[in-house]
Amino acid sequence: MSSKDSEDGGGARADGEVYVPGVRWNGGLQQEAVDVLAGEGGLVVAPAKIGYALMTTDRQGLERKFAAKNRSRTKPGVVMCASLDQLFLLARTSAEIRGFITDHWHQDVLLGCVLPWRSSGLAHVPDGAGELVMDARGTSCFVIRCGAPVDPVTAALWERHGKVTFASSADPSGRGNRGTIEGIGRRIAERADLLVEADGYVRSLQPGSGPHDRYAQGVMVSLVDSDGVLVPRQTTADAGSAPAARPTVIRRGLDVDRVMLALGRHFPAWDYRHGAYH
């Protein structure tokens, strides 16, 4: 996005060819994004800690998101949570898991947890959208602390409109999040209703990192077994007997070292299997 485009709200160009409505992040709540996503089928690209996120709130918007990314419908997006209360209302957890997630919330650490939905949470899934937001086991990845630009939007949609925000990285599937508004590519730029630019914010989270050595995703921890059932409570004795279902890091990313330290504080045994299924 050129400085002139950003200042006058005129637009953003991706791959040097595309012109779509765009604004520069205002440093707080981006009301334009809330307005788009509170409506029917809205699709917004906005900056997060690891790059740009493609956000929506209903079945129509989810269909548009999959089409914009050329993404397989078997790969659901994540559920962005504006607060611990929202996450614990939507997802099934245990005392150990709640403690683990709460640590990350208070330390402002981006974290995604694969968890099953609660019945109270399923009531907030948009009509007809279940197959697009959860896998065959009935689990989704619930994410906290996504970043200063997107978190207030997620909170406003939940608190004012009762809408859950669903997201994927704003990049063509398989190409990786470039961390710049131009890096989202022509296809996504043309299909989004609004682009919010904050390349400087994204760079500030990983100073000194370039497009080839930056973390382009957040850490994802699976807290379910192969059937989607929560991992059982562990005792110290379980660490030596290798319980069949343990918390498992299935995707490394930004602040992975801090996440692994927290796993050690809350669980006697856990696994690291980057690339494992979700």
Protein backbone atom coordinates (compact mmCIF):
# COMPACT_ATOMS: atom_id res chain seq x y z
CA MET A 1 0.00 0.00 0.00
CA SER A 2 1.45 3.34 -0.97
CA SER A 3 1.55 6.13 1.61
CA LYS A 4 -0.96 8.16 -0.38
CA ASP A 5 -3.38 5.23 -0.57
CA SER A 6 -3.01 4.65 3.16
CA GLU A 7 -3.59 8.28 4.09
CA ASP A 8 -6.68 8.87 2.00
CA GLY A 9 -8.25 5.41 2.44
CA GLY A 10 -8.11 4.98 -1.30
CA GLY A 11 -6.84 1.49 -1.80
CA ALA A 12 -4.09 -1.12 -1.84
CA ARG A 13 -2.30 -2.81 -4.68
CA ALA A 14 -1.23 -6.46 -4.58
CA ASP A 15 1.24 -7.72 -7.15
CA GLY A 16 1.23 -4.20 -8.61
CA GLU A 17 -2.12 -4.62 -10.35
CA VAL A 18 -5.05 -4.85 -7.95
CA TYR A 19 -7.07 -1.98 -6.51
CA VAL A 20 -9.36 -2.71 -3.56
CA PRO A 21 -10.74 -0.63 -0.66
CA GLY A 22 -8.01 -0.27 1.93
CA VAL A 23 -7.09 1.65 5.08
CA ARG A 24 -4.08 1.92 7.34
CA TRP A 25 -4.56 0.54 10.86
CA ASN A 26 -5.56 3.39 13.17
CA GLY A 27 -3.75 2.00 16.22
CA GLY A 28 -6.93 0.89 17.96
CA LEU A 29 -10.31 -0.56 17.05
CA GLN A 30 -10.72 -0.55 13.26
CA GLN A 31 -14.45 0.15 13.08
CA GLU A 32 -14.55 -0.33 9.31
CA ALA A 33 -13.54 -3.96 9.82
CA VAL A 34 -16.22 -4.46 12.48
CA ASP A 35 -18.86 -2.98 10.16
CA VAL A 36 -17.92 -5.30 7.29
CA LEU A 37 -17.77 -8.42 9.46
CA ALA A 38 -20.98 -7.64 11.32
CA GLY A 39 -22.79 -7.77 7.99
CA GLU A 40 -23.57 -10.78 5.84
CA GLY A 41 -20.72 -12.63 4.19
CA GLY A 42 -18.03 -10.08 5.06
CA LEU A 43 -14.37 -10.85 4.39
CA VAL A 44 -11.56 -8.69 5.82
CA VAL A 45 -7.77 -8.88 5.64
CA ALA A 46 -6.21 -7.42 8.81
CA PRO A 47 -2.77 -7.50 10.47
CA ALA A 48 -1.98 -9.98 13.25
CA LYS A 49 1.20 -10.90 15.11
CA ILE A 50 2.45 -13.31 12.47
CA GLY A 51 1.29 -11.49 9.34
CA TYR A 52 -2.11 -10.92 7.81
CA ALA A 53 -5.31 -12.76 8.71
CA LEU A 54 -8.35 -13.39 6.53
CA MET A 55 -11.35 -12.91 8.84
CA THR A 56 -15.06 -13.71 8.56
CA THR A 57 -18.05 -14.55 10.75
CA ASP A 58 -20.63 -16.64 8.86
CA ARG A 59 -21.19 -19.45 6.34
CA GLN A 60 -21.17 -17.18 3.31
CA GLY A 61 -17.95 -15.51 4.43
CA LEU A 62 -16.33 -18.87 5.13
CA GLU A 63 -17.17 -20.04 1.62
CA ARG A 64 -15.58 -16.86 0.26
CA LYS A 65 -12.50 -17.40 2.46
CA PHE A 66 -11.94 -20.93 1.15
CA ALA A 67 -12.35 -19.72 -2.43
CA ALA A 68 -10.02 -16.76 -1.96
CA LYS A 69 -7.24 -18.97 -0.56
CA ASN A 70 -7.82 -21.90 -2.92
CA ARG A 71 -7.92 -23.89 0.31
CA SER A 72 -9.16 -27.44 0.80
CA ARG A 73 -12.46 -27.53 2.67
CA THR A 74 -10.99 -30.27 4.89
CA LYS A 75 -8.70 -27.65 6.50
CA PRO A 76 -10.88 -25.53 8.79
CA GLY A 77 -9.80 -22.07 9.84
CA VAL A 78 -9.12 -21.08 13.42
CA VAL A 79 -11.52 -19.62 15.99
CA MET A 80 -10.29 -16.23 17.22
CA CYS A 81 -11.17 -15.67 20.89
CA ALA A 82 -11.46 -12.19 22.37
CA SER A 83 -11.21 -13.30 26.00
CA LEU A 84 -10.66 -16.30 28.23
CA ASP A 85 -14.36 -16.23 29.10
CA GLN A 86 -15.26 -16.56 25.44
CA LEU A 87 -12.83 -19.43 24.84
CA PHE A 88 -13.99 -21.34 27.92
CA LEU A 89 -17.62 -20.87 26.86
CA LEU A 90 -16.97 -22.18 23.35
CA ALA A 91 -14.48 -25.00 24.00
CA ARG A 92 -14.27 -27.94 26.39
CA THR A 93 -11.29 -27.73 28.72
CA SER A 94 -9.98 -29.10 32.02
CA ALA A 95 -8.42 -27.39 35.03
CA GLU A 96 -4.89 -28.14 33.73
CA ILE A 97 -5.71 -26.88 30.26
CA ARG A 98 -7.35 -23.72 31.59
CA GLY A 99 -4.24 -22.98 33.65
CA PHE A 100 -2.00 -23.54 30.62
CA ILE A 101 -4.07 -21.22 28.40
CA THR A 102 -4.45 -18.58 31.12
CA ASP A 103 -0.65 -18.31 31.47
CA HIS A 104 -0.40 -17.36 27.80
CA TRP A 105 -3.23 -14.87 28.08
CA HIS A 106 -1.54 -12.97 30.93
CA GLN A 107 1.82 -13.03 29.13
CA ASP A 108 0.29 -11.86 25.82
CA VAL A 109 1.61 -14.94 24.00
CA LEU A 110 -0.08 -16.04 20.77
CA LEU A 111 -1.39 -19.58 21.24
CA GLY A 112 -3.66 -21.94 19.31
CA CYS A 113 -5.18 -24.96 21.06
CA VAL A 114 -6.99 -27.82 19.37
CA LEU A 115 -10.04 -28.51 21.54
CA PRO A 116 -13.55 -29.97 21.21
CA TRP A 117 -16.55 -27.67 21.23
CA ARG A 118 -18.87 -27.42 24.22
CA SER A 119 -22.60 -27.64 23.63
CA SER A 120 -22.80 -24.01 24.75
CA GLY A 121 -20.21 -23.19 22.10
CA LEU A 122 -21.97 -25.02 19.27
CA ALA A 123 -24.92 -22.67 19.74
CA HIS A 124 -22.63 -19.89 18.45
CA VAL A 125 -21.55 -21.69 15.25
CA PRO A 126 -23.29 -20.00 12.30
CA ASP A 127 -26.03 -21.98 10.58
CA GLY A 128 -24.58 -24.47 8.10
CA ALA A 129 -20.98 -23.60 9.00
CA GLY A 130 -20.04 -26.56 11.18
CA GLU A 131 -18.22 -28.48 8.47
CA LEU A 132 -16.15 -25.38 7.64
CA VAL A 133 -15.00 -24.54 11.16
CA MET A 134 -14.31 -27.93 12.70
CA ASP A 135 -12.86 -31.26 11.63
CA ALA A 136 -14.57 -34.66 11.53
CA ARG A 137 -13.78 -35.15 15.23
CA GLY A 138 -15.69 -32.01 16.17
CA THR A 139 -12.56 -30.06 17.14
CA SER A 140 -11.24 -26.65 16.13
CA CYS A 141 -8.14 -24.61 16.85
CA PHE A 142 -9.07 -21.85 19.32
CA VAL A 143 -6.60 -18.96 19.28
CA ILE A 144 -5.85 -16.21 21.79
CA ARG A 145 -3.68 -13.09 21.73
CA CYS A 146 -3.67 -12.76 17.93
CA GLY A 147 -2.44 -9.16 17.96
CA ALA A 148 -3.36 -5.56 18.73
CA PRO A 149 -5.01 -4.82 15.34
CA VAL A 150 -7.28 -7.88 15.16
CA ASP A 151 -8.10 -8.58 18.82
CA PRO A 152 -10.27 -5.46 19.34
CA VAL A 153 -12.22 -6.33 16.18
CA THR A 154 -12.79 -9.86 17.45
CA ALA A 155 -13.91 -8.49 20.82
CA ALA A 156 -16.33 -5.98 19.29
CA LEU A 157 -17.92 -8.63 17.08
CA TRP A 158 -18.43 -10.94 20.07
CA GLU A 159 -19.52 -8.37 22.64
CA ARG A 160 -21.67 -6.13 20.44
CA HIS A 161 -22.97 -8.53 17.81
CA GLY A 162 -22.67 -12.01 19.38
CA LYS A 163 -20.54 -13.17 16.44
CA VAL A 164 -17.58 -15.56 16.59
CA THR A 165 -14.67 -14.66 14.30
CA PHE A 166 -13.07 -17.33 12.12
CA ALA A 167 -9.76 -16.81 10.35
CA SER A 168 -6.95 -18.21 8.24
CA SER A 169 -3.66 -16.66 7.24
CA ALA A 170 -4.12 -14.27 4.33
CA ASP A 171 -1.97 -16.06 1.80
CA PRO A 172 -2.58 -18.58 -0.96
CA SER A 173 -2.59 -22.07 0.58
CA GLY A 174 0.87 -23.58 0.73
CA ARG A 175 2.78 -20.32 0.12
CA GLY A 176 3.22 -19.06 3.68
CA ASN A 177 2.35 -15.74 5.27
CA ARG A 178 4.68 -13.07 3.86
CA GLY A 179 4.01 -10.50 6.57
CA THR A 180 3.22 -7.66 4.16
CA ILE A 181 -0.01 -6.43 2.64
CA GLU A 182 1.35 -6.90 -0.87
CA GLY A 183 2.34 -10.46 0.06
CA ILE A 184 -1.29 -11.58 0.33
CA GLY A 185 -1.38 -11.94 -3.45
CA ARG A 186 -3.76 -10.77 -6.14
CA ARG A 187 -6.47 -13.38 -5.67
CA ILE A 188 -7.08 -12.62 -1.99
CA ALA A 189 -6.77 -8.87 -2.48
CA GLU A 190 -9.43 -8.91 -5.18
CA ARG A 191 -11.87 -10.97 -3.11
CA ALA A 192 -11.62 -9.18 0.25
CA ASP A 193 -14.11 -6.44 1.12
CA LEU A 194 -11.50 -4.48 3.07
CA LEU A 195 -7.73 -4.52 3.58
CA VAL A 196 -6.24 -3.07 6.75
CA GLU A 197 -2.51 -2.39 6.43
CA ALA A 198 0.04 -2.36 9.27
CA ASP A 199 3.28 -3.75 7.88
CA GLY A 200 5.22 -1.81 10.53
CA TYR A 201 3.31 -3.51 13.34
CA VAL A 202 3.98 -6.95 11.86
CA ARG A 203 7.71 -6.19 11.50
CA SER A 204 7.89 -4.96 15.09
CA LEU A 205 6.94 -8.41 16.44
CA GLN A 206 9.99 -10.04 14.82
CA PRO A 207 12.58 -7.27 14.43
CA GLY A 208 15.52 -8.20 12.26
CA SER A 209 13.70 -11.11 10.61
CA GLY A 210 13.14 -11.26 6.87
CA PRO A 211 10.55 -13.11 4.77
CA HIS A 212 12.66 -16.28 4.78
CA ASP A 213 13.53 -16.53 8.48
CA ARG A 214 10.51 -15.04 10.27
CA TYR A 215 7.85 -17.14 11.96
CA ALA A 216 4.89 -17.05 9.58
CA GLN A 217 2.48 -18.81 11.93
CA GLY A 218 1.59 -19.24 15.57
CA VAL A 219 2.22 -22.26 17.77
CA MET A 220 -0.55 -24.86 17.72
CA VAL A 221 -0.92 -27.36 20.57
CA SER A 222 -3.27 -30.34 20.31
CA LEU A 223 -5.03 -31.08 23.59
CA VAL A 224 -7.12 -33.99 22.28
CA ASP A 225 -6.51 -37.60 21.31
CA SER A 226 -7.07 -39.09 17.86
CA ASP A 227 -10.83 -39.22 18.50
CA GLY A 228 -11.07 -35.61 19.59
CA VAL A 229 -11.38 -36.41 23.32
CA LEU A 230 -9.53 -34.16 25.77
CA VAL A 231 -6.19 -35.49 26.98
CA PRO A 232 -6.62 -36.99 30.46
CA ARG A 233 -5.36 -35.40 33.63
CA GLN A 234 -1.75 -36.37 34.31
CA THR A 235 0.12 -37.04 37.51
CA THR A 236 3.87 -36.88 37.95
CA ALA A 237 3.99 -40.68 37.77
CA ASP A 238 2.45 -40.58 34.27
CA ALA A 239 5.57 -38.98 32.80
CA GLY A 240 7.47 -42.27 33.03
CA SER A 241 4.68 -44.42 31.64
CA ALA A 242 4.10 -42.30 28.52
CA PRO A 243 0.30 -41.82 28.55
CA ALA A 244 -1.20 -42.50 25.15
CA ALA A 245 -2.77 -39.05 24.87
CA ARG A 246 -0.58 -36.09 25.79
CA PRO A 247 -0.54 -32.41 24.93
CA THR A 248 1.35 -32.18 21.64
CA VAL A 249 2.96 -29.28 19.84
CA ILE A 250 1.84 -29.91 16.25
CA ARG A 251 3.02 -26.62 14.76
CA ARG A 252 5.98 -24.50 15.79
CA GLY A 253 5.84 -20.76 15.39
CA LEU A 254 6.18 -17.40 17.11
CA ASP A 255 7.19 -17.75 20.79
CA VAL A 256 7.46 -21.55 20.57
CA ASP A 257 10.12 -21.51 23.31
CA ARG A 258 7.75 -19.78 25.73
CA VAL A 259 4.94 -22.18 24.89
CA MET A 260 7.15 -25.20 25.54
CA LEU A 261 8.25 -23.78 28.90
CA ALA A 262 4.57 -23.42 29.84
CA LEU A 263 3.88 -27.01 28.78
CA GLY A 264 6.61 -28.12 31.18
CA ARG A 265 5.03 -26.15 34.01
CA HIS A 266 1.54 -27.56 33.55
CA PHE A 267 2.00 -31.14 32.28
CA PRO A 268 4.45 -33.86 33.43
CA ALA A 269 4.58 -35.24 29.87
CA TRP A 270 4.03 -33.71 26.46
CA ASP A 271 5.15 -34.30 22.87
CA TYR A 272 6.61 -32.29 19.99
CA ARG A 273 5.43 -33.46 16.57
CA HIS A 274 5.63 -30.57 14.15
CA GLY A 275 3.42 -31.26 11.15
CA ALA A 276 1.12 -33.72 12.92
CA TYR A 277 -2.54 -33.63 11.95
CA HIS A 278 -5.07 -30.98 12.55
